[in-house]
Amino acid sequence: MVIILNIGIWIISILVYIIWNQYKRNEKLEEIATKQADFISETKNTVDQVTKMFDTIDEQQIFRANDYVGHMWLELKALNEALKNYK
């Protein structure tokens, strides 16, 4: 009888440890996922702000008159468009 009780306590102890360990791992993963979601949200907001600034500056099309600056301006706009695709 004592042996069966000891084996039962041993099995319950192992199961409790396994469940507790998995719970702690799940908490860590949820924290990481929350941080990543916040980072993605902040990145989306930054891309939106940059897009608005590009659109405001591009209304006058001042930079396109200069060859070098115009080329760089178009490259920056292309990069911004690529970033908007990941939103």
N, C-alpha and C. Protein backbone atom coordinates (compact mmCIF):
# COMPACT_ATOMS: atom_id res chain seq x y z
N MET A 1 0.82 -1.20 0.00
CA MET A 1 0.00 0.00 0.00
C MET A 1 0.87 1.26 0.00
N VAL A 2 1.92 1.27 0.80
CA VAL A 2 2.81 2.43 0.90
C VAL A 2 3.55 2.62 -0.42
N ILE A 3 3.91 1.54 -1.07
CA ILE A 3 4.63 1.63 -2.34
C ILE A 3 3.74 2.27 -3.40
N ILE A 4 2.49 1.87 -3.44
CA ILE A 4 1.56 2.44 -4.42
C ILE A 4 1.35 3.93 -4.14
N LEU A 5 1.24 4.29 -2.88
CA LEU A 5 1.09 5.69 -2.49
C LEU A 5 2.32 6.50 -2.89
N ASN A 6 3.51 5.96 -2.65
CA ASN A 6 4.75 6.64 -3.04
C ASN A 6 4.84 6.82 -4.56
N ILE A 7 4.49 5.79 -5.30
CA ILE A 7 4.51 5.88 -6.76
C ILE A 7 3.50 6.92 -7.24
N GLY A 8 2.32 6.95 -6.64
CA GLY A 8 1.29 7.93 -7.00
C GLY A 8 1.76 9.36 -6.73
N ILE A 9 2.37 9.57 -5.56
CA ILE A 9 2.89 10.90 -5.22
C ILE A 9 4.01 11.28 -6.18
N TRP A 10 4.85 10.35 -6.53
CA TRP A 10 5.95 10.59 -7.46
C TRP A 10 5.42 11.00 -8.84
N ILE A 11 4.43 10.27 -9.33
CA ILE A 11 3.84 10.57 -10.64
C ILE A 11 3.14 11.93 -10.61
N ILE A 12 2.40 12.21 -9.55
CA ILE A 12 1.72 13.51 -9.44
C ILE A 12 2.74 14.64 -9.38
N SER A 13 3.83 14.44 -8.66
CA SER A 13 4.88 15.46 -8.58
C SER A 13 5.49 15.75 -9.94
N ILE A 14 5.74 14.71 -10.70
CA ILE A 14 6.31 14.88 -12.04
C ILE A 14 5.31 15.61 -12.94
N LEU A 15 4.06 15.24 -12.90
CA LEU A 15 3.05 15.90 -13.72
C LEU A 15 2.88 17.38 -13.34
N VAL A 16 2.90 17.67 -12.05
CA VAL A 16 2.80 19.07 -11.60
C VAL A 16 4.00 19.87 -12.11
N TYR A 17 5.19 19.30 -12.03
CA TYR A 17 6.39 19.99 -12.52
C TYR A 17 6.29 20.24 -14.02
N ILE A 18 5.84 19.24 -14.78
CA ILE A 18 5.72 19.39 -16.23
C ILE A 18 4.72 20.49 -16.57
N ILE A 19 3.58 20.49 -15.91
CA ILE A 19 2.56 21.51 -16.18
C ILE A 19 3.07 22.90 -15.80
N TRP A 20 3.71 23.02 -14.65
CA TRP A 20 4.25 24.31 -14.20
C TRP A 20 5.32 24.82 -15.18
N ASN A 21 6.20 23.92 -15.63
CA ASN A 21 7.25 24.29 -16.57
C ASN A 21 6.65 24.76 -17.90
N GLN A 22 5.66 24.07 -18.40
CA GLN A 22 5.01 24.47 -19.64
C GLN A 22 4.27 25.80 -19.48
N TYR A 23 3.68 26.02 -18.34
CA TYR A 23 3.00 27.29 -18.06
C TYR A 23 3.99 28.45 -18.09
N LYS A 24 5.14 28.29 -17.46
CA LYS A 24 6.17 29.33 -17.46
C LYS A 24 6.68 29.60 -18.88
N ARG A 25 6.91 28.57 -19.65
CA ARG A 25 7.36 28.74 -21.04
C ARG A 25 6.31 29.49 -21.85
N ASN A 26 5.04 29.14 -21.64
CA ASN A 26 3.96 29.81 -22.35
C ASN A 26 3.91 31.29 -21.99
N GLU A 27 4.10 31.64 -20.73
CA GLU A 27 4.13 33.04 -20.31
C GLU A 27 5.25 33.80 -21.02
N LYS A 28 6.43 33.20 -21.09
CA LYS A 28 7.57 33.84 -21.77
C LYS A 28 7.27 34.06 -23.25
N LEU A 29 6.70 33.06 -23.90
CA LEU A 29 6.38 33.18 -25.32
C LEU A 29 5.31 34.24 -25.57
N GLU A 30 4.32 34.32 -24.68
CA GLU A 30 3.29 35.36 -24.82
C GLU A 30 3.90 36.75 -24.66
N GLU A 31 4.85 36.90 -23.75
CA GLU A 31 5.53 38.18 -23.56
C GLU A 31 6.33 38.57 -24.81
N ILE A 32 7.03 37.60 -25.38
CA ILE A 32 7.79 37.85 -26.61
C ILE A 32 6.84 38.24 -27.74
N ALA A 33 5.73 37.52 -27.87
CA ALA A 33 4.77 37.82 -28.94
C ALA A 33 4.17 39.22 -28.76
N THR A 34 3.92 39.62 -27.53
CA THR A 34 3.38 40.96 -27.26
C THR A 34 4.40 42.03 -27.63
N LYS A 35 5.66 41.83 -27.28
CA LYS A 35 6.70 42.79 -27.64
C LYS A 35 6.85 42.90 -29.15
N GLN A 36 6.78 41.77 -29.85
CA GLN A 36 6.89 41.79 -31.30
C GLN A 36 5.70 42.50 -31.94
N ALA A 37 4.51 42.28 -31.41
CA ALA A 37 3.32 42.95 -31.93
C ALA A 37 3.43 44.46 -31.72
N ASP A 38 3.93 44.87 -30.56
CA ASP A 38 4.12 46.31 -30.30
C ASP A 38 5.14 46.90 -31.27
N PHE A 39 6.23 46.19 -31.51
CA PHE A 39 7.26 46.66 -32.44
C PHE A 39 6.69 46.81 -33.86
N ILE A 40 5.91 45.83 -34.29
CA ILE A 40 5.30 45.88 -35.62
C ILE A 40 4.33 47.05 -35.71
N SER A 41 3.56 47.27 -34.66
CA SER A 41 2.62 48.39 -34.65
C SER A 41 3.35 49.73 -34.73
N GLU A 42 4.43 49.86 -33.98
CA GLU A 42 5.22 51.09 -34.01
C GLU A 42 5.85 51.30 -35.40
N THR A 43 6.30 50.23 -36.00
CA THR A 43 6.89 50.31 -37.34
C THR A 43 5.84 50.74 -38.36
N LYS A 44 4.63 50.19 -38.26
CA LYS A 44 3.56 50.59 -39.16
C LYS A 44 3.24 52.07 -39.01
N ASN A 45 3.18 52.55 -37.77
CA ASN A 45 2.91 53.97 -37.54
C ASN A 45 4.01 54.85 -38.12
N THR A 46 5.26 54.42 -37.97
CA THR A 46 6.38 55.19 -38.52
C THR A 46 6.31 55.24 -40.04
N VAL A 47 6.00 54.11 -40.67
CA VAL A 47 5.89 54.07 -42.13
C VAL A 47 4.75 54.99 -42.57
N ASP A 48 3.64 55.00 -41.85
CA ASP A 48 2.53 55.89 -42.20
C ASP A 48 2.94 57.35 -42.09
N GLN A 49 3.68 57.69 -41.04
CA GLN A 49 4.14 59.07 -40.88
C GLN A 49 5.09 59.46 -42.00
N VAL A 50 6.01 58.58 -42.33
CA VAL A 50 6.96 58.88 -43.41
C VAL A 50 6.22 59.03 -44.74
N THR A 51 5.23 58.19 -44.98
CA THR A 51 4.45 58.29 -46.21
C THR A 51 3.74 59.64 -46.29
N LYS A 52 3.16 60.07 -45.17
CA LYS A 52 2.49 61.38 -45.16
C LYS A 52 3.49 62.50 -45.42
N MET A 53 4.68 62.40 -44.83
CA MET A 53 5.69 63.44 -45.07
C MET A 53 6.14 63.43 -46.53
N PHE A 54 6.34 62.25 -47.10
CA PHE A 54 6.71 62.15 -48.51
C PHE A 54 5.64 62.77 -49.40
N ASP A 55 4.39 62.46 -49.10
CA ASP A 55 3.30 62.99 -49.92
C ASP A 55 3.22 64.52 -49.80
N THR A 56 3.43 65.04 -48.60
CA THR A 56 3.40 66.49 -48.40
C THR A 56 4.53 67.17 -49.16
N ILE A 57 5.71 66.61 -49.07
CA ILE A 57 6.87 67.20 -49.75
C ILE A 57 6.75 67.04 -51.26
N ASP A 58 6.18 65.92 -51.69
CA ASP A 58 6.11 65.61 -53.13
C ASP A 58 5.04 66.42 -53.85
N GLU A 59 4.15 67.07 -53.10
CA GLU A 59 3.10 67.85 -53.75
C GLU A 59 3.69 68.92 -54.66
N GLN A 60 4.78 69.54 -54.25
CA GLN A 60 5.38 70.61 -55.03
C GLN A 60 6.36 70.09 -56.08
N GLN A 61 6.79 68.87 -55.97
CA GLN A 61 7.72 68.21 -56.89
C GLN A 61 8.99 69.04 -57.11
N ILE A 62 9.50 69.61 -56.04
CA ILE A 62 10.70 70.44 -56.09
C ILE A 62 11.94 69.59 -56.37
N PHE A 63 12.00 68.44 -55.76
CA PHE A 63 13.22 67.64 -55.82
C PHE A 63 13.45 66.98 -57.18
N ARG A 64 12.44 66.85 -57.96
CA ARG A 64 12.58 66.17 -59.25
C ARG A 64 13.32 67.04 -60.28
N ALA A 65 13.40 68.34 -60.04
CA ALA A 65 14.08 69.24 -60.99
C ALA A 65 15.58 68.99 -61.02
N ASN A 66 16.18 68.66 -59.89
CA ASN A 66 17.61 68.39 -59.80
C ASN A 66 17.83 66.91 -60.11
N ASP A 67 18.75 66.60 -61.02
CA ASP A 67 18.95 65.21 -61.44
C ASP A 67 19.37 64.31 -60.29
N TYR A 68 20.41 64.70 -59.55
CA TYR A 68 20.92 63.84 -58.48
C TYR A 68 19.92 63.73 -57.35
N VAL A 69 19.41 64.86 -56.90
CA VAL A 69 18.44 64.86 -55.80
C VAL A 69 17.15 64.18 -56.24
N GLY A 70 16.76 64.42 -57.49
CA GLY A 70 15.55 63.76 -58.00
C GLY A 70 15.69 62.26 -58.04
N HIS A 71 16.86 61.77 -58.42
CA HIS A 71 17.10 60.32 -58.44
C HIS A 71 17.04 59.75 -57.03
N MET A 72 17.68 60.44 -56.08
CA MET A 72 17.66 59.99 -54.69
C MET A 72 16.23 60.03 -54.14
N TRP A 73 15.49 61.07 -54.51
CA TRP A 73 14.11 61.21 -54.06
C TRP A 73 13.26 60.03 -54.55
N LEU A 74 13.43 59.68 -55.81
CA LEU A 74 12.67 58.55 -56.36
C LEU A 74 13.07 57.24 -55.70
N GLU A 75 14.35 57.09 -55.37
CA GLU A 75 14.81 55.88 -54.67
C GLU A 75 14.19 55.80 -53.27
N LEU A 76 14.16 56.92 -52.58
CA LEU A 76 13.55 56.95 -51.24
C LEU A 76 12.05 56.64 -51.31
N LYS A 77 11.39 57.18 -52.32
CA LYS A 77 9.96 56.89 -52.47
C LYS A 77 9.74 55.41 -52.78
N ALA A 78 10.61 54.82 -53.58
CA ALA A 78 10.49 53.39 -53.90
C ALA A 78 10.70 52.54 -52.64
N LEU A 79 11.66 52.95 -51.83
CA LEU A 79 11.90 52.23 -50.57
C LEU A 79 10.69 52.34 -49.65
N ASN A 80 10.10 53.53 -49.59
CA ASN A 80 8.91 53.72 -48.76
C ASN A 80 7.75 52.87 -49.27
N GLU A 81 7.58 52.79 -50.58
CA GLU A 81 6.52 51.95 -51.15
C GLU A 81 6.75 50.48 -50.80
N ALA A 82 8.01 50.05 -50.82
CA ALA A 82 8.31 48.66 -50.45
C ALA A 82 7.96 48.41 -48.99
N LEU A 83 8.23 49.38 -48.14
CA LEU A 83 7.89 49.23 -46.72
C LEU A 83 6.38 49.20 -46.51
N LYS A 84 5.65 49.96 -47.30
CA LYS A 84 4.18 49.96 -47.17
C LYS A 84 3.59 48.61 -47.51
N ASN A 85 4.26 47.84 -48.38
CA ASN A 85 3.76 46.52 -48.74
C ASN A 85 3.80 45.53 -47.58
N TYR A 86 4.64 45.79 -46.57
CA TYR A 86 4.77 44.88 -45.43
C TYR A 86 3.83 45.22 -44.30
N LYS A 87 3.01 46.26 -44.47
CA LYS A 87 2.08 46.65 -43.40
C LYS A 87 1.01 45.67 -43.27
